């Protein structure tokens, strides 16, 4: 002898489906929030960018890396940054002879920061640079 359920199966199934649908549509407290923190992009100053570029390429030049021989434009340096680069590389080579490679690499970082900050990023370009010519008026 079996016992009959107190609620007909059709009603129980309907109630279960409605409950699941409502639960799936409601927002939980973590909804819309990333589970891992998203880093906020930091703005870089012209001096920071200059320091990064000049320091990187000066170190590559000192090490004699494969790409150290590309020209200053390919390295993404302005004329002023390239002048800083050359000055720092010469000082780093002298420091390397006196104190070793590690001291020379440290000198590069320190001097690049100082010189780039003093020149506000050293973004000046060649005296030969000219702004693009304005477009010719279109024929209407």
N, C-alpha and C. Protein backbone atom coordinates (compact mmCIF):
# COMPACT_ATOMS: atom_id res chain seq x y z
N UNK A 1 0.83 -1.17 0.00
CA UNK A 1 0.00 0.00 0.00
C UNK A 1 0.88 1.24 0.00
N UNK A 2 0.66 2.03 -0.91
CA UNK A 2 1.42 3.28 -0.99
C UNK A 2 0.61 4.43 -0.45
N UNK A 3 1.32 5.45 -0.09
CA UNK A 3 0.64 6.64 0.39
C UNK A 3 0.66 7.70 -0.70
N UNK A 4 -0.38 8.44 -0.77
CA UNK A 4 -0.48 9.48 -1.77
C UNK A 4 0.23 10.73 -1.24
N UNK A 5 0.90 11.48 -2.15
CA UNK A 5 1.51 12.73 -1.70
C UNK A 5 0.42 13.72 -1.32
N UNK A 6 0.77 14.62 -0.40
CA UNK A 6 -0.20 15.61 0.06
C UNK A 6 -0.47 16.68 -1.00
N UNK A 7 0.53 16.94 -1.84
CA UNK A 7 0.37 17.92 -2.91
C UNK A 7 0.47 17.16 -4.22
N UNK A 8 -0.41 17.43 -5.13
CA UNK A 8 -0.30 16.76 -6.42
C UNK A 8 1.05 17.07 -7.07
N UNK A 9 1.61 16.13 -7.79
CA UNK A 9 2.93 16.25 -8.41
C UNK A 9 2.99 17.45 -9.35
N UNK A 10 1.97 17.74 -10.07
CA UNK A 10 1.95 18.87 -11.01
C UNK A 10 2.17 20.19 -10.30
N UNK A 11 1.51 20.37 -9.15
CA UNK A 11 1.67 21.60 -8.39
C UNK A 11 3.07 21.70 -7.79
N UNK A 12 3.60 20.62 -7.31
CA UNK A 12 4.94 20.62 -6.71
C UNK A 12 6.00 20.95 -7.76
N UNK A 13 5.86 20.38 -8.95
CA UNK A 13 6.81 20.65 -10.02
C UNK A 13 6.72 22.12 -10.43
N UNK A 14 5.51 22.63 -10.56
CA UNK A 14 5.33 24.02 -10.93
C UNK A 14 5.98 24.94 -9.88
N UNK A 15 5.77 24.66 -8.62
CA UNK A 15 6.34 25.49 -7.54
C UNK A 15 7.87 25.44 -7.57
N UNK A 16 8.43 24.28 -7.84
CA UNK A 16 9.88 24.14 -7.92
C UNK A 16 10.44 24.95 -9.08
N UNK A 17 9.83 24.89 -10.24
CA UNK A 17 10.28 25.63 -11.42
C UNK A 17 10.20 27.13 -11.16
N UNK A 18 9.13 27.60 -10.58
CA UNK A 18 8.97 29.03 -10.28
C UNK A 18 10.03 29.47 -9.27
N UNK A 19 10.27 28.69 -8.25
CA UNK A 19 11.28 29.03 -7.23
C UNK A 19 12.66 29.13 -7.85
N UNK A 20 13.02 28.19 -8.69
CA UNK A 20 14.33 28.21 -9.35
C UNK A 20 14.46 29.39 -10.30
N UNK A 21 13.40 29.70 -11.01
CA UNK A 21 13.43 30.82 -11.95
C UNK A 21 13.61 32.14 -11.20
N UNK A 22 12.89 32.30 -10.13
CA UNK A 22 13.01 33.53 -9.34
C UNK A 22 14.40 33.63 -8.72
N UNK A 23 14.92 32.54 -8.23
CA UNK A 23 16.26 32.54 -7.62
C UNK A 23 17.32 32.87 -8.66
N UNK A 24 17.14 32.41 -9.86
CA UNK A 24 18.12 32.68 -10.91
C UNK A 24 18.08 34.11 -11.42
N UNK A 25 16.95 34.79 -11.23
CA UNK A 25 16.81 36.15 -11.74
C UNK A 25 17.15 37.22 -10.72
N UNK A 26 17.23 36.85 -9.47
CA UNK A 26 17.53 37.86 -8.46
C UNK A 26 19.02 38.11 -8.39
N UNK A 27 19.37 39.31 -8.03
CA UNK A 27 20.78 39.68 -7.94
C UNK A 27 21.30 39.31 -6.56
N UNK A 28 22.46 38.74 -6.54
CA UNK A 28 23.10 38.45 -5.26
C UNK A 28 24.00 39.63 -4.92
N UNK A 29 24.54 39.65 -3.72
CA UNK A 29 25.35 40.78 -3.28
C UNK A 29 26.64 40.91 -4.07
N UNK A 30 27.12 39.82 -4.68
CA UNK A 30 28.37 39.90 -5.43
C UNK A 30 28.13 40.09 -6.93
N UNK A 31 26.87 40.16 -7.33
CA UNK A 31 26.56 40.32 -8.75
C UNK A 31 27.12 41.63 -9.28
N UNK A 32 27.78 41.57 -10.43
CA UNK A 32 28.33 42.76 -11.04
C UNK A 32 29.70 43.15 -10.51
N UNK A 33 30.16 42.48 -9.50
CA UNK A 33 31.47 42.79 -8.93
C UNK A 33 32.46 41.73 -9.40
N UNK A 34 33.61 42.15 -9.89
CA UNK A 34 34.61 41.16 -10.32
C UNK A 34 35.12 40.38 -9.12
N UNK A 35 35.46 39.13 -9.37
CA UNK A 35 35.95 38.30 -8.27
C UNK A 35 37.41 38.59 -7.95
N UNK A 36 38.13 39.11 -8.92
CA UNK A 36 39.51 39.52 -8.66
C UNK A 36 39.62 41.01 -8.90
N UNK A 37 40.43 41.70 -8.12
CA UNK A 37 40.54 43.15 -8.32
C UNK A 37 41.13 43.48 -9.68
N UNK A 38 40.59 44.50 -10.29
CA UNK A 38 41.08 44.96 -11.58
C UNK A 38 42.03 46.12 -11.34
N UNK A 39 43.26 46.03 -11.83
CA UNK A 39 44.19 47.13 -11.59
C UNK A 39 43.73 48.40 -12.31
N UNK A 40 43.91 49.51 -11.65
CA UNK A 40 43.57 50.79 -12.24
C UNK A 40 44.78 51.28 -13.02
N UNK A 41 44.58 51.64 -14.28
CA UNK A 41 45.72 52.11 -15.06
C UNK A 41 46.31 53.37 -14.44
N UNK A 42 47.60 53.42 -14.37
CA UNK A 42 48.29 54.57 -13.83
C UNK A 42 48.73 55.47 -14.98
N UNK A 43 48.57 56.75 -14.80
CA UNK A 43 49.04 57.68 -15.82
C UNK A 43 50.54 57.86 -15.64
N UNK A 44 51.24 57.83 -16.73
CA UNK A 44 52.68 58.03 -16.70
C UNK A 44 52.99 59.45 -17.14
N UNK A 45 53.89 60.06 -16.42
CA UNK A 45 54.32 61.41 -16.79
C UNK A 45 55.33 61.31 -17.93
N UNK A 46 55.57 62.40 -18.66
CA UNK A 46 56.61 62.38 -19.69
C UNK A 46 57.97 61.99 -19.11
N UNK A 47 58.25 62.42 -17.89
CA UNK A 47 59.53 62.06 -17.26
C UNK A 47 59.61 60.56 -16.99
N UNK A 48 58.49 59.95 -16.58
CA UNK A 48 58.47 58.50 -16.33
C UNK A 48 58.70 57.72 -17.62
N UNK A 49 58.05 58.15 -18.69
CA UNK A 49 58.20 57.48 -19.98
C UNK A 49 59.63 57.62 -20.48
N UNK A 50 60.16 58.82 -20.38
CA UNK A 50 61.55 59.08 -20.79
C UNK A 50 62.50 58.18 -20.00
N UNK A 51 62.32 58.15 -18.68
CA UNK A 51 63.20 57.34 -17.83
C UNK A 51 63.16 55.88 -18.23
N UNK A 52 61.96 55.38 -18.47
CA UNK A 52 61.80 53.98 -18.85
C UNK A 52 62.50 53.68 -20.17
N UNK A 53 62.26 54.52 -21.17
CA UNK A 53 62.87 54.30 -22.49
C UNK A 53 64.38 54.43 -22.45
N UNK A 54 64.85 55.52 -21.89
CA UNK A 54 66.30 55.78 -21.89
C UNK A 54 67.02 54.72 -21.07
N UNK A 55 66.50 54.39 -19.91
CA UNK A 55 67.13 53.40 -19.05
C UNK A 55 67.19 52.04 -19.75
N UNK A 56 66.07 51.63 -20.34
CA UNK A 56 66.03 50.34 -21.02
C UNK A 56 67.07 50.27 -22.13
N UNK A 57 67.06 51.25 -23.03
CA UNK A 57 67.96 51.20 -24.17
C UNK A 57 69.42 51.42 -23.78
N UNK A 58 69.68 52.19 -22.76
CA UNK A 58 71.06 52.37 -22.30
C UNK A 58 71.60 51.03 -21.76
N UNK A 59 70.77 50.32 -21.02
CA UNK A 59 71.19 49.01 -20.50
C UNK A 59 71.43 48.02 -21.64
N UNK A 60 70.54 48.02 -22.62
CA UNK A 60 70.72 47.13 -23.76
C UNK A 60 72.01 47.46 -24.51
N UNK A 61 72.30 48.74 -24.65
CA UNK A 61 73.53 49.16 -25.33
C UNK A 61 74.75 48.72 -24.53
N UNK A 62 74.72 48.92 -23.23
CA UNK A 62 75.84 48.53 -22.38
C UNK A 62 76.09 47.02 -22.47
N UNK A 63 75.02 46.25 -22.49
CA UNK A 63 75.13 44.79 -22.57
C UNK A 63 75.50 44.32 -23.98
N UNK A 64 75.33 45.18 -24.97
CA UNK A 64 75.61 44.78 -26.35
C UNK A 64 74.58 43.83 -26.90
N UNK A 65 73.33 44.02 -26.52
CA UNK A 65 72.27 43.09 -26.96
C UNK A 65 72.03 43.19 -28.46
N UNK A 66 71.33 42.21 -28.96
CA UNK A 66 71.04 42.10 -30.40
C UNK A 66 70.38 43.37 -30.95
N UNK A 67 69.47 43.97 -30.19
CA UNK A 67 68.70 45.11 -30.68
C UNK A 67 69.30 46.46 -30.31
N UNK A 68 70.41 46.46 -29.64
CA UNK A 68 70.97 47.74 -29.19
C UNK A 68 71.46 48.60 -30.35
N UNK A 69 71.69 48.03 -31.50
CA UNK A 69 72.21 48.78 -32.63
C UNK A 69 71.17 49.47 -33.49
N UNK A 70 69.89 49.28 -33.19
CA UNK A 70 68.89 49.96 -34.01
C UNK A 70 68.95 51.46 -33.73
N UNK A 71 68.45 52.25 -34.65
CA UNK A 71 68.60 53.70 -34.48
C UNK A 71 67.61 54.26 -33.46
N UNK A 72 67.84 55.51 -33.09
CA UNK A 72 67.07 56.13 -32.02
C UNK A 72 65.58 56.23 -32.35
N UNK A 73 65.24 56.40 -33.61
CA UNK A 73 63.83 56.46 -33.98
C UNK A 73 63.15 55.10 -33.79
N UNK A 74 63.85 54.04 -34.16
CA UNK A 74 63.30 52.70 -33.97
C UNK A 74 63.16 52.37 -32.49
N UNK A 75 63.97 52.96 -31.66
CA UNK A 75 63.89 52.76 -30.21
C UNK A 75 62.78 53.59 -29.59
N UNK A 76 62.22 54.51 -30.36
CA UNK A 76 61.13 55.34 -29.84
C UNK A 76 61.61 56.53 -29.04
N UNK A 77 62.86 56.95 -29.26
CA UNK A 77 63.43 58.06 -28.52
C UNK A 77 63.30 59.36 -29.30
N UNK A 78 63.07 60.44 -28.56
CA UNK A 78 63.13 61.77 -29.18
C UNK A 78 64.61 62.14 -29.33
N UNK A 79 64.87 63.22 -30.02
CA UNK A 79 66.26 63.68 -30.15
C UNK A 79 66.87 63.96 -28.78
N UNK A 80 66.11 64.64 -27.92
CA UNK A 80 66.61 64.96 -26.59
C UNK A 80 66.86 63.69 -25.77
N UNK A 81 65.97 62.74 -25.86
CA UNK A 81 66.14 61.48 -25.13
C UNK A 81 67.35 60.72 -25.64
N UNK A 82 67.58 60.79 -26.94
CA UNK A 82 68.75 60.11 -27.50
C UNK A 82 70.04 60.76 -26.99
N UNK A 83 70.04 62.07 -26.86
CA UNK A 83 71.22 62.77 -26.32
C UNK A 83 71.48 62.33 -24.88
N UNK A 84 70.41 62.20 -24.10
CA UNK A 84 70.55 61.71 -22.71
C UNK A 84 71.09 60.28 -22.74
N UNK A 85 70.54 59.46 -23.61
CA UNK A 85 70.97 58.07 -23.76
C UNK A 85 72.47 57.99 -24.01
N UNK A 86 72.94 58.75 -24.97
CA UNK A 86 74.36 58.70 -25.32
C UNK A 86 75.24 59.16 -24.16
N UNK A 87 74.83 60.19 -23.47
CA UNK A 87 75.58 60.70 -22.32
C UNK A 87 75.63 59.64 -21.21
N UNK A 88 74.51 59.01 -20.95
CA UNK A 88 74.43 58.01 -19.88
C UNK A 88 75.22 56.76 -20.25
N UNK A 89 75.17 56.33 -21.50
CA UNK A 89 75.93 55.15 -21.92
C UNK A 89 77.43 55.40 -21.73
N UNK A 90 77.90 56.58 -22.10
CA UNK A 90 79.33 56.89 -21.92
C UNK A 90 79.71 56.84 -20.44
N UNK A 91 78.87 57.41 -19.59
CA UNK A 91 79.15 57.40 -18.14
C UNK A 91 79.08 55.97 -17.60
N UNK A 92 78.14 55.18 -18.10
CA UNK A 92 77.98 53.80 -17.63
C UNK A 92 79.17 52.93 -18.05
N UNK A 93 79.68 53.15 -19.22
CA UNK A 93 80.86 52.38 -19.66
C UNK A 93 82.07 52.69 -18.77
N UNK A 94 82.24 53.96 -18.43
CA UNK A 94 83.34 54.34 -17.53
C UNK A 94 83.12 53.73 -16.14
N UNK A 95 81.88 53.76 -15.67
CA UNK A 95 81.56 53.18 -14.36
C UNK A 95 81.77 51.67 -14.36
N UNK A 96 81.44 51.02 -15.46
CA UNK A 96 81.62 49.57 -15.56
C UNK A 96 83.10 49.21 -15.43
N UNK A 97 83.97 50.00 -16.02
CA UNK A 97 85.42 49.74 -15.91
C UNK A 97 85.91 49.91 -14.48
N UNK A 98 85.36 50.91 -13.78
CA UNK A 98 85.78 51.18 -12.40
C UNK A 98 85.15 50.23 -11.38
N UNK A 99 83.83 50.05 -11.47
CA UNK A 99 83.09 49.36 -10.41
C UNK A 99 82.36 48.08 -10.84
N UNK A 100 82.32 47.79 -12.12
CA UNK A 100 81.65 46.58 -12.58
C UNK A 100 80.28 46.85 -13.19
N UNK A 101 79.73 45.80 -13.79
CA UNK A 101 78.46 45.89 -14.53
C UNK A 101 77.29 46.31 -13.64
N UNK A 102 77.17 45.73 -12.45
CA UNK A 102 76.03 46.08 -11.60
C UNK A 102 76.01 47.56 -11.25
N UNK A 103 77.17 48.11 -10.94
CA UNK A 103 77.26 49.54 -10.62
C UNK A 103 76.89 50.39 -11.84
N UNK A 104 77.29 49.95 -13.01
CA UNK A 104 76.97 50.68 -14.24
C UNK A 104 75.46 50.66 -14.51
N UNK A 105 74.82 49.52 -14.29
CA UNK A 105 73.38 49.42 -14.50
C UNK A 105 72.61 50.29 -13.51
N UNK A 106 73.09 50.35 -12.28
CA UNK A 106 72.47 51.23 -11.27
C UNK A 106 72.65 52.69 -11.67
N UNK A 107 73.83 53.04 -12.13
CA UNK A 107 74.09 54.41 -12.57
C UNK A 107 73.14 54.80 -13.70
N UNK A 108 72.86 53.90 -14.62
CA UNK A 108 71.94 54.18 -15.72
C UNK A 108 70.57 54.56 -15.18
N UNK A 109 70.05 53.78 -14.25
CA UNK A 109 68.73 54.07 -13.68
C UNK A 109 68.69 55.43 -12.99
N UNK A 110 69.70 55.70 -12.18
CA UNK A 110 69.75 56.96 -11.42
C UNK A 110 69.87 58.16 -12.36
N UNK A 111 70.79 58.10 -13.29
CA UNK A 111 71.00 59.23 -14.20
C UNK A 111 69.81 59.44 -15.13
N UNK A 112 69.22 58.36 -15.61
CA UNK A 112 68.06 58.50 -16.50
C UNK A 112 66.93 59.21 -15.76
N UNK A 113 66.67 58.82 -14.53
CA UNK A 113 65.61 59.45 -13.73
C UNK A 113 65.92 60.93 -13.55
N UNK A 114 67.16 61.26 -13.17
CA UNK A 114 67.54 62.65 -12.91
C UNK A 114 67.40 63.50 -14.18
N UNK A 115 67.99 63.04 -15.25
CA UNK A 115 68.03 63.84 -16.48
C UNK A 115 66.65 63.97 -17.13
N UNK A 116 65.89 62.91 -17.12
CA UNK A 116 64.55 62.98 -17.71
C UNK A 116 63.64 63.89 -16.88
N UNK A 117 63.76 63.83 -15.57
CA UNK A 117 62.95 64.71 -14.72
C UNK A 117 63.36 66.16 -14.92
N UNK A 118 64.66 66.42 -15.01
CA UNK A 118 65.15 67.79 -15.18
C UNK A 118 64.69 68.39 -16.51
N UNK A 119 64.47 67.55 -17.50
CA UNK A 119 64.06 68.04 -18.82
C UNK A 119 62.58 67.76 -19.11
N UNK A 120 61.83 67.45 -18.06
CA UNK A 120 60.39 67.19 -18.18
C UNK A 120 60.06 66.19 -19.29
N UNK A 121 60.83 65.13 -19.34
CA UNK A 121 60.57 64.06 -20.30
C UNK A 121 61.41 64.13 -21.57
N UNK A 122 62.08 65.24 -21.76
CA UNK A 122 62.97 65.40 -22.93
C UNK A 122 62.29 64.97 -24.22
N UNK A 123 61.14 65.54 -24.48
CA UNK A 123 60.37 65.12 -25.66
C UNK A 123 60.67 65.94 -26.91
N UNK A 124 61.60 66.87 -26.81
CA UNK A 124 61.93 67.71 -27.96
C UNK A 124 62.43 66.90 -29.12
N UNK A 125 62.00 67.28 -30.30
CA UNK A 125 62.38 66.56 -31.49
C UNK A 125 63.41 67.35 -32.28
N UNK A 126 63.73 66.87 -33.40
CA UNK A 126 64.74 67.46 -34.26
C UNK A 126 64.38 68.86 -34.70
N UNK A 127 65.39 69.69 -34.88
CA UNK A 127 65.16 71.03 -35.41
C UNK A 127 64.66 70.96 -36.85
N UNK A 128 64.78 69.82 -37.47
CA UNK A 128 64.32 69.64 -38.85
C UNK A 128 62.84 69.25 -38.92
N UNK A 129 62.24 69.00 -37.76
CA UNK A 129 60.85 68.58 -37.75
C UNK A 129 59.96 69.72 -38.19
N UNK A 130 58.99 69.41 -39.00
CA UNK A 130 58.02 70.40 -39.45
C UNK A 130 56.62 69.81 -39.26
N UNK A 131 55.67 70.65 -38.88
CA UNK A 131 54.30 70.12 -38.76
C UNK A 131 53.80 69.70 -40.13
N UNK A 132 52.88 68.75 -40.17
CA UNK A 132 52.35 68.32 -41.46
C UNK A 132 51.65 69.48 -42.16
N UNK A 133 51.77 69.49 -43.48
CA UNK A 133 51.07 70.52 -44.26
C UNK A 133 49.58 70.28 -44.16
N UNK A 134 48.85 71.36 -44.10
CA UNK A 134 47.40 71.20 -44.03
C UNK A 134 46.92 70.66 -45.37
N UNK A 135 45.85 69.95 -45.31
CA UNK A 135 45.29 69.33 -46.51
C UNK A 135 44.81 70.42 -47.47
N UNK A 136 45.01 70.15 -48.72
CA UNK A 136 44.55 71.10 -49.75
C UNK A 136 43.04 71.16 -49.73
N UNK A 137 42.49 72.32 -49.95
CA UNK A 137 41.03 72.41 -49.97
C UNK A 137 40.46 71.45 -51.01
N UNK A 138 39.42 70.81 -50.65
CA UNK A 138 38.82 69.84 -51.59
C UNK A 138 37.99 70.60 -52.63
N UNK A 139 37.93 70.00 -53.79
CA UNK A 139 37.10 70.58 -54.84
C UNK A 139 35.65 70.25 -54.54
N UNK A 140 34.86 71.27 -54.50
CA UNK A 140 33.45 71.03 -54.16
C UNK A 140 32.58 71.22 -55.33
